[in-house]
C-alpha atoms as a PDB file:
ATOM      1  CA  MET A   1      -7.935  -0.166   6.157  1.00  0.00           C
ATOM      2  CA  ILE A   2      -7.778  -3.939   6.081  1.00  0.00           C
ATOM      3  CA  VAL A   3      -4.746  -6.024   7.062  1.00  0.00           C
ATOM      4  CA  CYS A   4      -4.882  -9.684   6.032  1.00  0.00           C
ATOM      5  CA  SER A   5      -3.037 -12.631   4.594  1.00  0.00           C
ATOM      6  CA  PHE A   6      -2.679 -12.434   0.817  1.00  0.00           C
ATOM      7  CA  LYS A   7      -4.393 -15.826   0.499  1.00  0.00           C
ATOM      8  CA  ASP A   8      -7.511 -14.288   2.111  1.00  0.00           C
ATOM      9  CA  LEU A   9      -7.635 -11.275  -0.198  1.00  0.00           C
ATOM     10  CA  GLU A  10     -10.342 -12.676  -2.475  1.00  0.00           C
ATOM     11  CA  LYS A  11     -12.825 -12.351   0.424  1.00  0.00           C
ATOM     12  CA  TYR A  12     -12.827  -8.602  -0.217  1.00  0.00           C
ATOM     13  CA  GLN A  13     -13.943  -8.789  -3.847  1.00  0.00           C
ATOM     14  CA  SER A  14     -17.205  -6.979  -3.035  1.00  0.00           C
ATOM     15  CA  VAL A  15     -15.320  -3.773  -2.180  1.00  0.00           C
ATOM     16  CA  LEU A  16     -12.483  -3.995  -4.722  1.00  0.00           C
ATOM     17  CA  ASN A  17     -12.866  -3.371  -8.458  1.00  0.00           C
ATOM     18  CA  TYR A  18     -10.908  -5.682 -10.792  1.00  0.00           C
ATOM     19  CA  LEU A  19      -9.713  -7.926  -7.946  1.00  0.00           C
ATOM     20  CA  PRO A  20      -9.993 -11.310  -9.753  1.00  0.00           C
ATOM     21  CA  GLU A  21      -8.047  -9.989 -12.753  1.00  0.00           C
ATOM     22  CA  ALA A  22      -5.467  -8.326 -10.489  1.00  0.00           C
ATOM     23  CA  LEU A  23      -4.876 -11.605  -8.633  1.00  0.00           C
ATOM     24  CA  ARG A  24      -4.258 -13.368 -11.962  1.00  0.00           C
ATOM     25  CA  LYS A  25      -1.758 -10.675 -12.954  1.00  0.00           C
ATOM     26  CA  VAL A  26       0.026 -11.024  -9.600  1.00  0.00           C
ATOM     27  CA  GLU A  27       0.627 -14.707 -10.353  1.00  0.00           C
ATOM     28  CA  GLU A  28       1.950 -13.829 -13.821  1.00  0.00           C
ATOM     29  CA  LEU A  29       4.348 -11.268 -12.335  1.00  0.00           C
ATOM     30  CA  LYS A  30       5.602 -13.820  -9.810  1.00  0.00           C
ATOM     31  CA  LYS A  31       6.261 -16.358 -12.568  1.00  0.00           C
ATOM     32  CA  ALA A  32       8.129 -13.687 -14.571  1.00  0.00           C
ATOM     33  CA  GLY A  33      10.507 -12.986 -11.665  1.00  0.00           C
ATOM     34  CA  LEU A  34       9.018  -9.813 -10.146  1.00  0.00           C
ATOM     35  CA  ILE A  35      11.024  -7.362 -12.217  1.00  0.00           C
ATOM     36  CA  PRO A  36      10.656  -3.903 -10.595  1.00  0.00           C
ATOM     37  CA  GLY A  37       8.516  -1.392 -12.453  1.00  0.00           C
ATOM     38  CA  ARG A  38       4.974  -0.375 -13.279  1.00  0.00           C
ATOM     39  CA  TYR A  39       2.697  -2.799 -15.122  1.00  0.00           C
ATOM     40  CA  ASP A  40      -0.449  -1.311 -16.679  1.00  0.00           C
ATOM     41  CA  TYR A  41      -3.559  -3.380 -17.286  1.00  0.00           C
ATOM     42  CA  HIS A  42      -7.123  -2.596 -18.325  1.00  0.00           C
ATOM     43  CA  GLY A  43      -8.491  -0.453 -15.469  1.00  0.00           C
ATOM     44  CA  PHE A  44      -5.673  -0.896 -12.936  1.00  0.00           C
ATOM     45  CA  PHE A  45      -1.918  -1.166 -12.533  1.00  0.00           C
ATOM     46  CA  ILE A  46       0.646  -2.911 -10.352  1.00  0.00           C
ATOM     47  CA  ASN A  47       3.990  -1.580  -9.148  1.00  0.00           C
ATOM     48  CA  VAL A  48       6.694  -4.139  -8.333  1.00  0.00           C
ATOM     49  CA  GLN A  49       8.991  -2.597  -5.737  1.00  0.00           C
ATOM     50  CA  ARG A  50      12.252  -3.684  -4.128  1.00  0.00           C
ATOM     51  CA  GLY A  51      13.755  -1.462  -1.483  1.00  0.00           C
ATOM     52  CA  THR A  52      14.917  -0.843   2.049  1.00  0.00           C
ATOM     53  CA  THR A  53      12.686   0.456   4.824  1.00  0.00           C
ATOM     54  CA  LYS A  54      13.118   3.996   6.139  1.00  0.00           C
ATOM     55  CA  PRO A  55      12.939   5.306   9.717  1.00  0.00           C
ATOM     56  CA  LEU A  56       9.401   5.648  11.022  1.00  0.00           C
ATOM     57  CA  ASN A  57      10.078   9.076  12.510  1.00  0.00           C
ATOM     58  CA  GLU A  58      11.156  10.494   9.126  1.00  0.00           C
ATOM     59  CA  GLY A  59       8.041   9.678   7.149  1.00  0.00           C
ATOM     60  CA  ARG A  60       4.822  11.378   6.128  1.00  0.00           C
ATOM     61  CA  PHE A  61       1.390   9.895   5.697  1.00  0.00           C
ATOM     62  CA  GLU A  62      -0.105   9.638   2.239  1.00  0.00           C
ATOM     63  CA  THR A  63      -3.620   9.262   0.873  1.00  0.00           C
ATOM     64  CA  HIS A  64      -5.060   8.572  -2.566  1.00  0.00           C
ATOM     65  CA  MET A  65      -8.428   9.641  -3.952  1.00  0.00           C
ATOM     66  CA  ARG A  66      -8.803   7.672  -7.204  1.00  0.00           C
ATOM     67  CA  TYR A  67      -7.159   4.366  -6.313  1.00  0.00           C
ATOM     68  CA  VAL A  68      -7.288   1.820  -3.522  1.00  0.00           C
ATOM     69  CA  ASP A  69      -3.853   0.435  -2.652  1.00  0.00           C
ATOM     70  CA  ILE A  70      -3.300  -3.227  -1.960  1.00  0.00           C
ATOM     71  CA  GLN A  71       0.244  -3.446  -0.636  1.00  0.00           C
ATOM     72  CA  TYR A  72       1.398  -7.076  -0.741  1.00  0.00           C
ATOM     73  CA  GLU A  73       4.647  -7.999   1.029  1.00  0.00           C
ATOM     74  CA  ILE A  74       6.402 -10.721  -0.987  1.00  0.00           C
ATOM     75  CA  GLU A  75       9.783 -10.862   0.790  1.00  0.00           C
ATOM     76  CA  GLY A  76      11.096  -9.159   3.914  1.00  0.00           C
ATOM     77  CA  SER A  77       8.992  -7.087   6.263  1.00  0.00           C
ATOM     78  CA  GLU A  78       8.059  -3.514   7.064  1.00  0.00           C
ATOM     79  CA  LEU A  79       6.217  -1.410   9.556  1.00  0.00           C
ATOM     80  CA  MET A  80       3.225   0.497   8.249  1.00  0.00           C
ATOM     81  CA  ALA A  81       1.743   3.446  10.116  1.00  0.00           C
ATOM     82  CA  TYR A  82      -1.976   4.219   9.861  1.00  0.00           C
ATOM     83  CA  ALA A  83      -3.960   7.323  10.812  1.00  0.00           C
ATOM     84  CA  PRO A  84      -7.569   8.121   9.881  1.00  0.00           C
ATOM     85  CA  LYS A  85      -7.934  10.911   7.343  1.00  0.00           C
ATOM     86  CA  ASP A  86      -9.685  13.217   9.830  1.00  0.00           C
ATOM     87  CA  ALA A  87      -6.570  13.090  12.073  1.00  0.00           C
ATOM     88  CA  LEU A  88      -4.215  14.169   9.279  1.00  0.00           C
ATOM     89  CA  ARG A  89      -2.806  17.664   8.810  1.00  0.00           C
ATOM     90  CA  ASP A  90      -1.960  18.898   5.307  1.00  0.00           C
ATOM     91  CA  ASP A  91       1.692  18.864   4.450  1.00  0.00           C
ATOM     92  CA  LEU A  92       1.639  19.051   0.658  1.00  0.00           C
ATOM     93  CA  PRO A  93      -1.424  19.682  -1.533  1.00  0.00           C
ATOM     94  CA  TYR A  94      -3.065  16.872  -3.464  1.00  0.00           C
ATOM     95  CA  ASP A  95      -1.175  15.976  -6.649  1.00  0.00           C
ATOM     96  CA  GLU A  96      -3.973  14.994  -9.042  1.00  0.00           C
ATOM     97  CA  LYS A  97      -1.644  13.617 -11.724  1.00  0.00           C
ATOM     98  CA  ASN A  98      -0.022  11.157  -9.300  1.00  0.00           C
ATOM     99  CA  ASP A  99      -3.121  10.698  -7.092  1.00  0.00           C
ATOM    100  CA  ILE A 100      -1.303  11.436  -3.842  1.00  0.00           C
ATOM    101  CA  ALA A 101      -1.350  13.900  -0.961  1.00  0.00           C
ATOM    102  CA  PHE A 102       1.060  14.002   1.976  1.00  0.00           C
ATOM    103  CA  PHE A 103       0.190  14.680   5.601  1.00  0.00           C
ATOM    104  CA  ASN A 104       1.449  14.703   9.166  1.00  0.00           C
ATOM    105  CA  ALA A 105      -0.358  13.248  12.179  1.00  0.00           C
ATOM    106  CA  ASP A 106       0.072  13.268  15.940  1.00  0.00           C
ATOM    107  CA  LYS A 107       1.565  10.143  17.470  1.00  0.00           C
ATOM    108  CA  LYS A 108      -1.603   9.626  19.564  1.00  0.00           C
ATOM    109  CA  ASP A 109      -3.624   9.221  16.335  1.00  0.00           C
ATOM    110  CA  THR A 110      -1.224   6.693  14.797  1.00  0.00           C
ATOM    111  CA  THR A 111      -1.384   2.895  14.782  1.00  0.00           C
ATOM    112  CA  ILE A 112       1.634   0.821  13.738  1.00  0.00           C
ATOM    113  CA  ALA A 113       1.280  -2.599  12.073  1.00  0.00           C
ATOM    114  CA  ALA A 114       4.085  -5.071  11.397  1.00  0.00           C
ATOM    115  CA  ILE A 115       3.660  -6.486   7.886  1.00  0.00           C
ATOM    116  CA  GLN A 116       5.439  -9.784   7.211  1.00  0.00           C
ATOM    117  CA  ALA A 117       5.969 -11.681   3.957  1.00  0.00           C
ATOM    118  CA  GLY A 118       2.670 -13.138   2.769  1.00  0.00           C
ATOM    119  CA  MET A 119       0.603 -10.347   4.303  1.00  0.00           C
ATOM    120  CA  CYS A 120      -1.072  -7.401   2.644  1.00  0.00           C
ATOM    121  CA  TYR A 121      -2.956  -4.297   3.589  1.00  0.00           C
ATOM    122  CA  ILE A 122      -5.723  -2.531   1.731  1.00  0.00           C
ATOM    123  CA  VAL A 123      -5.781   1.256   1.904  1.00  0.00           C
ATOM    124  CA  PHE A 124      -8.922   3.208   1.002  1.00  0.00           C
ATOM    125  CA  PRO A 125      -9.156   6.984   0.343  1.00  0.00           C
ATOM    126  CA  GLU A 126     -10.025   7.652   4.003  1.00  0.00           C
ATOM    127  CA  ASP A 127      -6.889   5.857   5.242  1.00  0.00           C
ATOM    128  CA  GLY A 128      -3.684   7.758   5.849  1.00  0.00           C
ATOM    129  CA  HIS A 129      -0.760   5.369   5.563  1.00  0.00           C
ATOM    130  CA  MET A 130       3.004   5.503   5.801  1.00  0.00           C
ATOM    131  CA  PRO A 131       4.495   2.380   4.178  1.00  0.00           C
ATOM    132  CA  CYS A 132       7.981   0.853   4.189  1.00  0.00           C
ATOM    133  CA  ARG A 133       9.142   1.919   7.666  1.00  0.00           C
ATOM    134  CA  HIS A 134      11.256   0.554  10.534  1.00  0.00           C
ATOM    135  CA  THR A 135      12.052   1.583  14.101  1.00  0.00           C
ATOM    136  CA  ASP A 136      15.328  -0.235  14.840  1.00  0.00           C
ATOM    137  CA  ARG A 137      17.107  -1.490  11.724  1.00  0.00           C
ATOM    138  CA  PRO A 138      16.435  -1.126   8.013  1.00  0.00           C
ATOM    139  CA  THR A 139      15.133  -4.243   6.281  1.00  0.00           C
ATOM    140  CA  ASN A 140      14.983  -5.144   2.618  1.00  0.00           C
ATOM    141  CA  TYR A 141      11.645  -5.917   1.031  1.00  0.00           C
ATOM    142  CA  THR A 142       9.991  -6.934  -2.204  1.00  0.00           C
ATOM    143  CA  LYS A 143       6.362  -5.934  -2.545  1.00  0.00           C
ATOM    144  CA  LEU A 144       3.581  -5.359  -5.019  1.00  0.00           C
ATOM    145  CA  VAL A 145       1.440  -2.246  -4.845  1.00  0.00           C
ATOM    146  CA  ILE A 146      -1.781  -3.074  -6.661  1.00  0.00           C
ATOM    147  CA  LYS A 147      -3.695   0.087  -7.606  1.00  0.00           C
ATOM    148  CA  LEU A 148      -7.410  -0.561  -8.157  1.00  0.00           C
ATOM    149  CA  PRO A 149      -9.885   2.222  -8.972  1.00  0.00           C
ATOM    150  CA  VAL A 150     -12.156   3.235  -6.104  1.00  0.00           C
ATOM    151  CA  LYS A 151     -15.482   1.414  -6.274  1.00  0.00           C
ATOM    152  CA  LYS A 152     -18.376   3.857  -6.638  1.00  0.00           C
END
């Protein structure tokens, strides 16, 4: 997992397929007003999401096998929980169609990161993550989830 400023994202081009094209599409989506939904492109897609964070203690970790997530916080903030894949316990089996599996993890194996507007985090297949969380009060957010195929 990598946590960084969105403006520094291009530094990770060597490990991310389609990154230059995805960054161009992000700018187009911003200019178009960030209308929520899924936007499909050649080789990757971007989800524009608006929502409210959920309690940290009510969530489950997720992983993906085919896609790397870049979760880019546009407005608002969230807490994101991380646990390495080898610390995760199966909760629901892998859903191949939606490229997602859900897990639980012990608190001792969990790291919490505060993600502010302008920041992003990159989640690889070995990274369990629980996005869009809070501990005290719910917060509203607007974010992009950029789904790039895993580099082989």
